[in-house]
Amino acid sequence: MSEGRIHPTAIIDPGAEIGAGTIVGPYSVIAADVVLGSNCWLQHHVTLCGPMKGGEKNRFYAYCSIGQQTQDLKYRGEPTYLEIGDENTFREFVTVHRSTTSEGKTHIGNRGNFLAYSHIGHDCTVGDHVIFSNNGTLGGHVQVGDHAVMGGLTAVHQFCRIGRFAITGGCSKIVQDVPPFMIADGNPAEIRGVNLIGLERKKFPPESVKLIKEPPESVKLIKEAFRLIYRSKYNTRQALDAMQKELSQTEEITEIVRFIEQSQRGIVR
């Protein structure tokens, strides 16, 4: 264990590895097989269980529980894994579970913001720069792309995917895949449009400043893809064919097409 400010009431297993400069607050518990990078911060009453590996500058607020064993009833007791990147924030009562089998892994990227009571189930893969609003909940094996936003009280069914730059409305029920750049809202959720405000706030694409007044070509193409999938008379296969024939094959259009083609559960309509 490297030097840092460790509160005397904290309990740290000798088998844990704590990076330099990490602060561990009162009544926190760090179990064996936890590897935590430098300059992390644990407020108080934080629980970290292993095997898990966390990067640098992660912040864990009161009562969050990270790395507990899966809730999957198929779990048979073998070591399973969680991997967390750098500079994430886990607010109060957030829960993150390890994978169900030793062949899998729950993975969280970098600079995510996980608000109070949000939950990431076993074997999920969560990208960079995501935001989970309060009580955003992922079932097992869910995939969430970079820059996605989960609305408060959103529940995502196991094995679903949330695409890059997608957003879900509050209290949404997601039982199929949400394509990149789209807004999903409702119970059950429906696609309501393109996430234009979210793209503008995140300065997508990088050279764009005001998407709403003068959308750049990439955003215009995303809007046209939305029209073909959701506002035309085409079925999904026909819409994909039309996108490939009628639209410039930019990175974003290729991403939408590939995402839908790879869907196992179908897409939210």
C-alpha atoms as a PDB file:
ATOM      1  CA  MET A   1       0.000   0.000   0.000  1.00  0.00           C
ATOM      2  CA  SER A   2       1.384   3.381  -1.011  1.00  0.00           C
ATOM      3  CA  GLU A   3       1.308   6.387   1.229  1.00  0.00           C
ATOM      4  CA  GLY A   4      -1.914   8.352   1.270  1.00  0.00           C
ATOM      5  CA  ARG A   5      -4.452   9.578   3.763  1.00  0.00           C
ATOM      6  CA  ILE A   6      -6.076   6.442   5.149  1.00  0.00           C
ATOM      7  CA  HIS A   7      -8.627   7.062   7.877  1.00  0.00           C
ATOM      8  CA  PRO A   8      -7.987   4.882  10.955  1.00  0.00           C
ATOM      9  CA  THR A   9     -11.496   3.409  10.779  1.00  0.00           C
ATOM     10  CA  ALA A  10     -11.011   2.182   7.200  1.00  0.00           C
ATOM     11  CA  ILE A  11     -10.484  -1.568   6.717  1.00  0.00           C
ATOM     12  CA  ILE A  12      -8.073  -2.489   3.926  1.00  0.00           C
ATOM     13  CA  ASP A  13      -7.146  -6.089   3.197  1.00  0.00           C
ATOM     14  CA  PRO A  14      -3.391  -6.726   2.970  1.00  0.00           C
ATOM     15  CA  GLY A  15      -4.022  -8.186  -0.484  1.00  0.00           C
ATOM     16  CA  ALA A  16      -5.300  -4.873  -1.846  1.00  0.00           C
ATOM     17  CA  GLU A  17      -3.072  -2.472  -3.788  1.00  0.00           C
ATOM     18  CA  ILE A  18      -3.723   1.243  -3.302  1.00  0.00           C
ATOM     19  CA  GLY A  19      -2.025   3.807  -5.536  1.00  0.00           C
ATOM     20  CA  ALA A  20      -0.012   6.771  -4.317  1.00  0.00           C
ATOM     21  CA  GLY A  21      -1.993   9.788  -3.195  1.00  0.00           C
ATOM     22  CA  THR A  22      -5.279   7.924  -2.822  1.00  0.00           C
ATOM     23  CA  ILE A  23      -7.497   9.087   0.066  1.00  0.00           C
ATOM     24  CA  VAL A  24      -9.597   6.495   1.891  1.00  0.00           C
ATOM     25  CA  GLY A  25     -12.281   7.992   4.107  1.00  0.00           C
ATOM     26  CA  PRO A  26     -13.917   6.788   7.334  1.00  0.00           C
ATOM     27  CA  TYR A  27     -15.446   3.316   7.538  1.00  0.00           C
ATOM     28  CA  SER A  28     -14.555   2.382   3.999  1.00  0.00           C
ATOM     29  CA  VAL A  29     -13.782  -1.274   3.221  1.00  0.00           C
ATOM     30  CA  ILE A  30     -11.352  -2.392   0.517  1.00  0.00           C
ATOM     31  CA  ALA A  31     -11.220  -6.164   0.069  1.00  0.00           C
ATOM     32  CA  ALA A  32      -8.527  -8.466  -1.262  1.00  0.00           C
ATOM     33  CA  ASP A  33      -7.681  -8.431  -4.969  1.00  0.00           C
ATOM     34  CA  VAL A  34      -8.626  -4.778  -5.388  1.00  0.00           C
ATOM     35  CA  VAL A  35      -6.098  -2.754  -7.374  1.00  0.00           C
ATOM     36  CA  LEU A  36      -6.737   0.975  -7.261  1.00  0.00           C
ATOM     37  CA  GLY A  37      -4.707   3.586  -9.116  1.00  0.00           C
ATOM     38  CA  SER A  38      -3.162   6.780  -7.838  1.00  0.00           C
ATOM     39  CA  ASN A  39      -4.970   9.884  -6.580  1.00  0.00           C
ATOM     40  CA  CYS A  40      -8.365   8.253  -6.122  1.00  0.00           C
ATOM     41  CA  TRP A  41     -10.766   9.490  -3.436  1.00  0.00           C
ATOM     42  CA  LEU A  42     -13.132   7.462  -1.258  1.00  0.00           C
ATOM     43  CA  GLN A  43     -15.444   9.695   0.756  1.00  0.00           C
ATOM     44  CA  HIS A  44     -16.738   7.451   3.546  1.00  0.00           C
ATOM     45  CA  HIS A  45     -18.546   4.103   3.905  1.00  0.00           C
ATOM     46  CA  VAL A  46     -17.336   3.032   0.449  1.00  0.00           C
ATOM     47  CA  THR A  47     -17.048  -0.694  -0.314  1.00  0.00           C
ATOM     48  CA  LEU A  48     -14.676  -2.013  -2.989  1.00  0.00           C
ATOM     49  CA  CYS A  49     -14.595  -5.768  -3.645  1.00  0.00           C
ATOM     50  CA  GLY A  50     -12.343  -7.805  -5.888  1.00  0.00           C
ATOM     51  CA  PRO A  51     -11.089  -9.029  -8.133  1.00  0.00           C
ATOM     52  CA  MET A  52     -11.314  -5.524  -9.560  1.00  0.00           C
ATOM     53  CA  LYS A  53      -8.911  -3.062 -11.105  1.00  0.00           C
ATOM     54  CA  GLY A  54      -9.521   0.681 -11.035  1.00  0.00           C
ATOM     55  CA  GLY A  55      -7.502   3.395 -12.738  1.00  0.00           C
ATOM     56  CA  GLU A  56      -6.395   6.826 -11.568  1.00  0.00           C
ATOM     57  CA  LYS A  57      -8.373   9.766 -10.148  1.00  0.00           C
ATOM     58  CA  ASN A  58     -11.615   7.886  -9.626  1.00  0.00           C
ATOM     59  CA  ARG A  59     -13.991   9.359  -7.036  1.00  0.00           C
ATOM     60  CA  PHE A  60     -16.254   7.204  -4.897  1.00  0.00           C
ATOM     61  CA  TYR A  61     -18.950   8.891  -2.813  1.00  0.00           C
ATOM     62  CA  ALA A  62     -20.655   7.650   0.333  1.00  0.00           C
ATOM     63  CA  TYR A  63     -22.186   4.159   0.386  1.00  0.00           C
ATOM     64  CA  CYS A  64     -21.372   3.195  -3.166  1.00  0.00           C
ATOM     65  CA  SER A  65     -20.580  -0.516  -3.531  1.00  0.00           C
ATOM     66  CA  ILE A  66     -18.247  -1.370  -6.384  1.00  0.00           C
ATOM     67  CA  GLY A  67     -17.126  -4.853  -7.418  1.00  0.00           C
ATOM     68  CA  GLN A  68     -19.618  -6.963  -5.510  1.00  0.00           C
ATOM     69  CA  GLN A  69     -20.282 -10.420  -6.904  1.00  0.00           C
ATOM     70  CA  THR A  70     -22.869 -10.790  -9.640  1.00  0.00           C
ATOM     71  CA  GLN A  71     -26.533 -11.195  -8.756  1.00  0.00           C
ATOM     72  CA  ASP A  72     -26.855 -13.760 -11.572  1.00  0.00           C
ATOM     73  CA  LEU A  73     -28.103 -17.063 -10.126  1.00  0.00           C
ATOM     74  CA  LYS A  74     -25.816 -18.936 -12.524  1.00  0.00           C
ATOM     75  CA  TYR A  75     -22.765 -17.752 -10.577  1.00  0.00           C
ATOM     76  CA  ARG A  76     -20.750 -20.713  -9.269  1.00  0.00           C
ATOM     77  CA  GLY A  77     -18.246 -18.992  -7.007  1.00  0.00           C
ATOM     78  CA  GLU A  78     -15.171 -18.669  -9.240  1.00  0.00           C
ATOM     79  CA  PRO A  79     -13.149 -15.436  -9.372  1.00  0.00           C
ATOM     80  CA  THR A  80     -14.800 -12.914 -11.685  1.00  0.00           C
ATOM     81  CA  TYR A  81     -13.746  -9.464 -12.776  1.00  0.00           C
ATOM     82  CA  LEU A  82     -14.417  -5.755 -12.957  1.00  0.00           C
ATOM     83  CA  GLU A  83     -12.221  -3.211 -14.714  1.00  0.00           C
ATOM     84  CA  ILE A  84     -12.662   0.565 -14.369  1.00  0.00           C
ATOM     85  CA  GLY A  85     -10.755   3.259 -16.264  1.00  0.00           C
ATOM     86  CA  ASP A  86      -9.672   6.702 -15.075  1.00  0.00           C
ATOM     87  CA  GLU A  87     -11.428   9.799 -13.700  1.00  0.00           C
ATOM     88  CA  ASN A  88     -14.870   8.312 -13.142  1.00  0.00           C
ATOM     89  CA  THR A  89     -17.282   9.612 -10.508  1.00  0.00           C
ATOM     90  CA  PHE A  90     -19.513   7.190  -8.618  1.00  0.00           C
ATOM     91  CA  ARG A  91     -22.061   9.059  -6.547  1.00  0.00           C
ATOM     92  CA  GLU A  92     -23.986   7.898  -3.471  1.00  0.00           C
ATOM     93  CA  PHE A  93     -25.248   4.289  -3.423  1.00  0.00           C
ATOM     94  CA  VAL A  94     -24.031   3.420  -6.922  1.00  0.00           C
ATOM     95  CA  THR A  95     -23.589  -0.333  -7.422  1.00  0.00           C
ATOM     96  CA  VAL A  96     -21.360  -2.100  -9.962  1.00  0.00           C
ATOM     97  CA  HIS A  97     -21.100  -5.889 -10.171  1.00  0.00           C
ATOM     98  CA  ARG A  98     -18.381  -8.194 -11.434  1.00  0.00           C
ATOM     99  CA  SER A  99     -18.898 -10.650 -14.296  1.00  0.00           C
ATOM    100  CA  THR A 100     -20.729 -13.938 -13.802  1.00  0.00           C
ATOM    101  CA  THR A 101     -17.955 -16.240 -15.065  1.00  0.00           C
ATOM    102  CA  SER A 102     -14.184 -16.040 -15.113  1.00  0.00           C
ATOM    103  CA  GLU A 103     -14.282 -15.797 -18.928  1.00  0.00           C
ATOM    104  CA  GLY A 104     -16.175 -12.502 -18.788  1.00  0.00           C
ATOM    105  CA  LYS A 105     -15.521  -9.033 -17.432  1.00  0.00           C
ATOM    106  CA  THR A 106     -17.552  -5.997 -16.450  1.00  0.00           C
ATOM    107  CA  HIS A 107     -15.813  -3.001 -17.988  1.00  0.00           C
ATOM    108  CA  ILE A 108     -16.252   0.758 -17.443  1.00  0.00           C
ATOM    109  CA  GLY A 109     -14.296   3.305 -19.483  1.00  0.00           C
ATOM    110  CA  ASN A 110     -12.986   6.739 -18.572  1.00  0.00           C
ATOM    111  CA  ARG A 111     -14.527   9.952 -17.233  1.00  0.00           C
ATOM    112  CA  GLY A 112     -18.017   8.609 -16.657  1.00  0.00           C
ATOM    113  CA  ASN A 113     -20.426  10.311 -14.257  1.00  0.00           C
ATOM    114  CA  PHE A 114     -22.671   7.823 -12.435  1.00  0.00           C
ATOM    115  CA  LEU A 115     -25.274   9.597 -10.296  1.00  0.00           C
ATOM    116  CA  ALA A 116     -26.923   8.330  -7.127  1.00  0.00           C
ATOM    117  CA  TYR A 117     -28.403   4.824  -7.086  1.00  0.00           C
ATOM    118  CA  SER A 118     -27.401   4.013 -10.656  1.00  0.00           C
ATOM    119  CA  HIS A 119     -26.559   0.360 -11.243  1.00  0.00           C
ATOM    120  CA  ILE A 120     -24.279  -1.483 -13.685  1.00  0.00           C
ATOM    121  CA  GLY A 121     -24.986  -5.203 -13.779  1.00  0.00           C
ATOM    122  CA  HIS A 122     -22.666  -8.120 -14.476  1.00  0.00           C
ATOM    123  CA  ASP A 123     -20.749  -8.344 -17.763  1.00  0.00           C
ATOM    124  CA  CYS A 124     -21.739  -4.851 -18.922  1.00  0.00           C
ATOM    125  CA  THR A 125     -19.444  -2.798 -21.130  1.00  0.00           C
ATOM    126  CA  VAL A 126     -19.729   0.973 -20.617  1.00  0.00           C
ATOM    127  CA  GLY A 127     -17.804   3.469 -22.750  1.00  0.00           C
ATOM    128  CA  ASP A 128     -16.122   6.806 -22.075  1.00  0.00           C
ATOM    129  CA  HIS A 129     -17.730  10.139 -21.107  1.00  0.00           C
ATOM    130  CA  VAL A 130     -21.111   8.600 -20.261  1.00  0.00           C
ATOM    131  CA  ILE A 131     -23.667  10.087 -17.871  1.00  0.00           C
ATOM    132  CA  PHE A 132     -26.036   7.923 -15.846  1.00  0.00           C
ATOM    133  CA  SER A 133     -28.742   9.980 -14.153  1.00  0.00           C
ATOM    134  CA  ASN A 134     -30.187   8.908 -10.816  1.00  0.00           C
ATOM    135  CA  ASN A 135     -31.403   5.291 -10.750  1.00  0.00           C
ATOM    136  CA  GLY A 136     -30.250   4.535 -14.290  1.00  0.00           C
ATOM    137  CA  THR A 137     -30.094   0.728 -14.295  1.00  0.00           C
ATOM    138  CA  LEU A 138     -28.403  -1.780 -16.594  1.00  0.00           C
ATOM    139  CA  GLY A 139     -29.240  -5.475 -16.627  1.00  0.00           C
ATOM    140  CA  GLY A 140     -26.471  -7.956 -17.370  1.00  0.00           C
ATOM    141  CA  HIS A 141     -24.447  -7.914 -20.601  1.00  0.00           C
ATOM    142  CA  VAL A 142     -25.626  -4.421 -21.643  1.00  0.00           C
ATOM    143  CA  GLN A 143     -23.318  -2.365 -23.885  1.00  0.00           C
ATOM    144  CA  VAL A 144     -23.298   1.438 -23.650  1.00  0.00           C
ATOM    145  CA  GLY A 145     -21.384   3.531 -26.185  1.00  0.00           C
ATOM    146  CA  ASP A 146     -19.213   6.593 -25.619  1.00  0.00           C
ATOM    147  CA  HIS A 147     -20.980   9.855 -24.707  1.00  0.00           C
ATOM    148  CA  ALA A 148     -24.325   8.121 -24.113  1.00  0.00           C
ATOM    149  CA  VAL A 149     -26.703   9.605 -21.535  1.00  0.00           C
ATOM    150  CA  MET A 150     -29.059   7.522 -19.403  1.00  0.00           C
ATOM    151  CA  GLY A 151     -32.097   9.402 -18.134  1.00  0.00           C
ATOM    152  CA  GLY A 152     -33.200   9.099 -14.528  1.00  0.00           C
ATOM    153  CA  LEU A 153     -35.003   5.849 -13.669  1.00  0.00           C
ATOM    154  CA  THR A 154     -34.200   4.351 -17.071  1.00  0.00           C
ATOM    155  CA  ALA A 155     -34.113   0.543 -16.982  1.00  0.00           C
ATOM    156  CA  VAL A 156     -32.261  -1.371 -19.691  1.00  0.00           C
ATOM    157  CA  HIS A 157     -33.019  -5.047 -20.338  1.00  0.00           C
ATOM    158  CA  GLN A 158     -30.126  -7.513 -20.361  1.00  0.00           C
ATOM    159  CA  PHE A 159     -28.173  -7.910 -23.620  1.00  0.00           C
ATOM    160  CA  CYS A 160     -29.414  -4.565 -25.025  1.00  0.00           C
ATOM    161  CA  ARG A 161     -27.083  -1.955 -26.509  1.00  0.00           C
ATOM    162  CA  ILE A 162     -27.163   1.825 -26.222  1.00  0.00           C
ATOM    163  CA  GLY A 163     -25.335   3.460 -29.125  1.00  0.00           C
ATOM    164  CA  ARG A 164     -22.754   6.220 -29.079  1.00  0.00           C
ATOM    165  CA  PHE A 165     -24.171   9.709 -28.382  1.00  0.00           C
ATOM    166  CA  ALA A 166     -27.642   8.228 -27.730  1.00  0.00           C
ATOM    167  CA  ILE A 167     -29.870   9.477 -24.894  1.00  0.00           C
ATOM    168  CA  THR A 168     -32.792   7.930 -23.046  1.00  0.00           C
ATOM    169  CA  GLY A 169     -35.612   9.885 -21.446  1.00  0.00           C
ATOM    170  CA  GLY A 170     -36.464   9.648 -17.772  1.00  0.00           C
ATOM    171  CA  CYS A 171     -38.424   6.564 -16.666  1.00  0.00           C
ATOM    172  CA  SER A 172     -37.796   4.824 -19.997  1.00  0.00           C
ATOM    173  CA  LYS A 173     -38.027   1.055 -20.448  1.00  0.00           C
ATOM    174  CA  ILE A 174     -35.403  -0.146 -22.940  1.00  0.00           C
ATOM    175  CA  VAL A 175     -35.963  -3.695 -24.207  1.00  0.00           C
ATOM    176  CA  GLN A 176     -34.215  -3.409 -27.587  1.00  0.00           C
ATOM    177  CA  ASP A 177     -31.145  -1.638 -28.955  1.00  0.00           C
ATOM    178  CA  VAL A 178     -31.021   2.168 -29.199  1.00  0.00           C
ATOM    179  CA  PRO A 179     -29.057   3.172 -32.334  1.00  0.00           C
ATOM    180  CA  PRO A 180     -26.281   5.773 -32.126  1.00  0.00           C
ATOM    181  CA  PHE A 181     -27.229   9.477 -32.038  1.00  0.00           C
ATOM    182  CA  MET A 182     -30.908   8.808 -31.282  1.00  0.00           C
ATOM    183  CA  ILE A 183     -33.347   9.802 -28.513  1.00  0.00           C
ATOM    184  CA  ALA A 184     -35.303   6.952 -26.916  1.00  0.00           C
ATOM    185  CA  ASP A 185     -38.148   7.716 -24.543  1.00  0.00           C
ATOM    186  CA  GLY A 186     -41.202   5.994 -23.108  1.00  0.00           C
ATOM    187  CA  ASN A 187     -42.444   2.735 -21.584  1.00  0.00           C
ATOM    188  CA  PRO A 188     -41.821   0.820 -23.732  1.00  0.00           C
ATOM    189  CA  ALA A 189     -39.397   3.245 -25.344  1.00  0.00           C
ATOM    190  CA  GLU A 190     -39.770   4.654 -28.841  1.00  0.00           C
ATOM    191  CA  ILE A 191     -37.260   6.598 -30.905  1.00  0.00           C
ATOM    192  CA  ARG A 192     -38.316  10.254 -30.812  1.00  0.00           C
ATOM    193  CA  GLY A 193     -35.682  11.861 -32.990  1.00  0.00           C
ATOM    194  CA  VAL A 194     -31.987  12.680 -33.345  1.00  0.00           C
ATOM    195  CA  ASN A 195     -30.119  13.808 -30.227  1.00  0.00           C
ATOM    196  CA  LEU A 196     -29.351  17.241 -31.702  1.00  0.00           C
ATOM    197  CA  ILE A 197     -29.103  19.117 -28.396  1.00  0.00           C
ATOM    198  CA  GLY A 198     -26.803  16.450 -26.986  1.00  0.00           C
ATOM    199  CA  LEU A 199     -24.601  16.590 -30.069  1.00  0.00           C
ATOM    200  CA  GLU A 200     -24.408  20.378 -29.846  1.00  0.00           C
ATOM    201  CA  ARG A 201     -23.516  20.322 -26.165  1.00  0.00           C
ATOM    202  CA  LYS A 202     -20.740  17.839 -26.853  1.00  0.00           C
ATOM    203  CA  LYS A 203     -19.556  19.850 -29.868  1.00  0.00           C
ATOM    204  CA  PHE A 204     -20.167  17.038 -32.334  1.00  0.00           C
ATOM    205  CA  PRO A 205     -18.532  17.040 -34.793  1.00  0.00           C
ATOM    206  CA  PRO A 206     -15.525  18.833 -33.258  1.00  0.00           C
ATOM    207  CA  GLU A 207     -15.522  21.692 -35.778  1.00  0.00           C
ATOM    208  CA  SER A 208     -19.223  22.437 -35.194  1.00  0.00           C
ATOM    209  CA  VAL A 209     -20.431  25.123 -32.796  1.00  0.00           C
ATOM    210  CA  LYS A 210     -24.158  25.630 -33.473  1.00  0.00           C
ATOM    211  CA  LEU A 211     -25.776  22.534 -34.878  1.00  0.00           C
ATOM    212  CA  ILE A 212     -29.369  23.692 -34.621  1.00  0.00           C
ATOM    213  CA  LYS A 213     -28.965  26.831 -36.773  1.00  0.00           C
ATOM    214  CA  GLU A 214     -26.568  25.441 -39.358  1.00  0.00           C
ATOM    215  CA  PRO A 215     -26.182  21.663 -39.080  1.00  0.00           C
ATOM    216  CA  PRO A 216     -22.943  20.379 -40.634  1.00  0.00           C
ATOM    217  CA  GLU A 217     -23.112  17.704 -43.296  1.00  0.00           C
ATOM    218  CA  SER A 218     -22.522  14.849 -40.836  1.00  0.00           C
ATOM    219  CA  VAL A 219     -25.544  15.855 -38.764  1.00  0.00           C
ATOM    220  CA  LYS A 220     -27.713  16.341 -41.853  1.00  0.00           C
ATOM    221  CA  LEU A 221     -26.861  12.785 -42.864  1.00  0.00           C
ATOM    222  CA  ILE A 222     -27.754  11.460 -39.422  1.00  0.00           C
ATOM    223  CA  LYS A 223     -31.125  13.225 -39.702  1.00  0.00           C
ATOM    224  CA  GLU A 224     -31.668  11.681 -43.120  1.00  0.00           C
ATOM    225  CA  ALA A 225     -30.791   8.249 -41.725  1.00  0.00           C
ATOM    226  CA  PHE A 226     -33.387   8.791 -39.001  1.00  0.00           C
ATOM    227  CA  ARG A 227     -35.971   9.679 -41.646  1.00  0.00           C
ATOM    228  CA  LEU A 228     -35.271   6.535 -43.657  1.00  0.00           C
ATOM    229  CA  ILE A 229     -35.410   4.233 -40.628  1.00  0.00           C
ATOM    230  CA  TYR A 230     -38.259   5.800 -38.682  1.00  0.00           C
ATOM    231  CA  ARG A 231     -40.328   8.080 -40.923  1.00  0.00           C
ATOM    232  CA  SER A 232     -40.422   6.249 -44.253  1.00  0.00           C
ATOM    233  CA  LYS A 233     -42.483   3.262 -45.389  1.00  0.00           C
ATOM    234  CA  TYR A 234     -39.377   1.086 -45.423  1.00  0.00           C
ATOM    235  CA  ASN A 235     -38.868  -1.847 -43.095  1.00  0.00           C
ATOM    236  CA  THR A 236     -35.508  -1.987 -41.336  1.00  0.00           C
ATOM    237  CA  ARG A 237     -33.736  -3.973 -44.055  1.00  0.00           C
ATOM    238  CA  GLN A 238     -35.059  -1.708 -46.785  1.00  0.00           C
ATOM    239  CA  ALA A 239     -34.041   1.384 -44.801  1.00  0.00           C
ATOM    240  CA  LEU A 240     -30.489   0.063 -44.437  1.00  0.00           C
ATOM    241  CA  ASP A 241     -30.310  -0.634 -48.169  1.00  0.00           C
ATOM    242  CA  ALA A 242     -31.550   2.883 -48.896  1.00  0.00           C
ATOM    243  CA  MET A 243     -28.985   4.405 -46.529  1.00  0.00           C
ATOM    244  CA  GLN A 244     -26.178   2.560 -48.272  1.00  0.00           C
ATOM    245  CA  LYS A 245     -27.389   3.542 -51.755  1.00  0.00           C
ATOM    246  CA  GLU A 246     -28.606   7.101 -51.198  1.00  0.00           C
ATOM    247  CA  LEU A 247     -26.362   8.550 -48.469  1.00  0.00           C
ATOM    248  CA  SER A 248     -22.671   9.372 -48.366  1.00  0.00           C
ATOM    249  CA  GLN A 249     -20.970   6.586 -46.457  1.00  0.00           C
ATOM    250  CA  THR A 250     -19.503   8.739 -43.701  1.00  0.00           C
ATOM    251  CA  GLU A 251     -18.203   7.306 -40.450  1.00  0.00           C
ATOM    252  CA  GLU A 252     -21.532   8.087 -38.755  1.00  0.00           C
ATOM    253  CA  ILE A 253     -23.707   6.453 -41.423  1.00  0.00           C
ATOM    254  CA  THR A 254     -21.479   3.380 -41.474  1.00  0.00           C
ATOM    255  CA  GLU A 255     -21.696   3.229 -37.680  1.00  0.00           C
ATOM    256  CA  ILE A 256     -25.514   3.332 -37.695  1.00  0.00           C
ATOM    257  CA  VAL A 257     -25.744   0.669 -40.398  1.00  0.00           C
ATOM    258  CA  ARG A 258     -23.268  -1.639 -38.668  1.00  0.00           C
ATOM    259  CA  PHE A 259     -24.950  -1.152 -35.300  1.00  0.00           C
ATOM    260  CA  ILE A 260     -28.347  -2.180 -36.677  1.00  0.00           C
ATOM    261  CA  GLU A 261     -26.964  -5.072 -38.709  1.00  0.00           C
ATOM    262  CA  GLN A 262     -25.277  -6.477 -35.597  1.00  0.00           C
ATOM    263  CA  SER A 263     -28.387  -6.191 -33.410  1.00  0.00           C
ATOM    264  CA  GLN A 264     -29.504  -9.426 -31.771  1.00  0.00           C
ATOM    265  CA  ARG A 265     -32.623  -8.061 -30.076  1.00  0.00           C
ATOM    266  CA  GLY A 266     -33.730  -5.673 -32.808  1.00  0.00           C
ATOM    267  CA  ILE A 267     -33.813  -1.904 -32.501  1.00  0.00           C
ATOM    268  CA  VAL A 268     -36.223   0.360 -30.649  1.00  0.00           C
ATOM    269  CA  ARG A 269     -38.772   1.633 -33.188  1.00  0.00           C
END
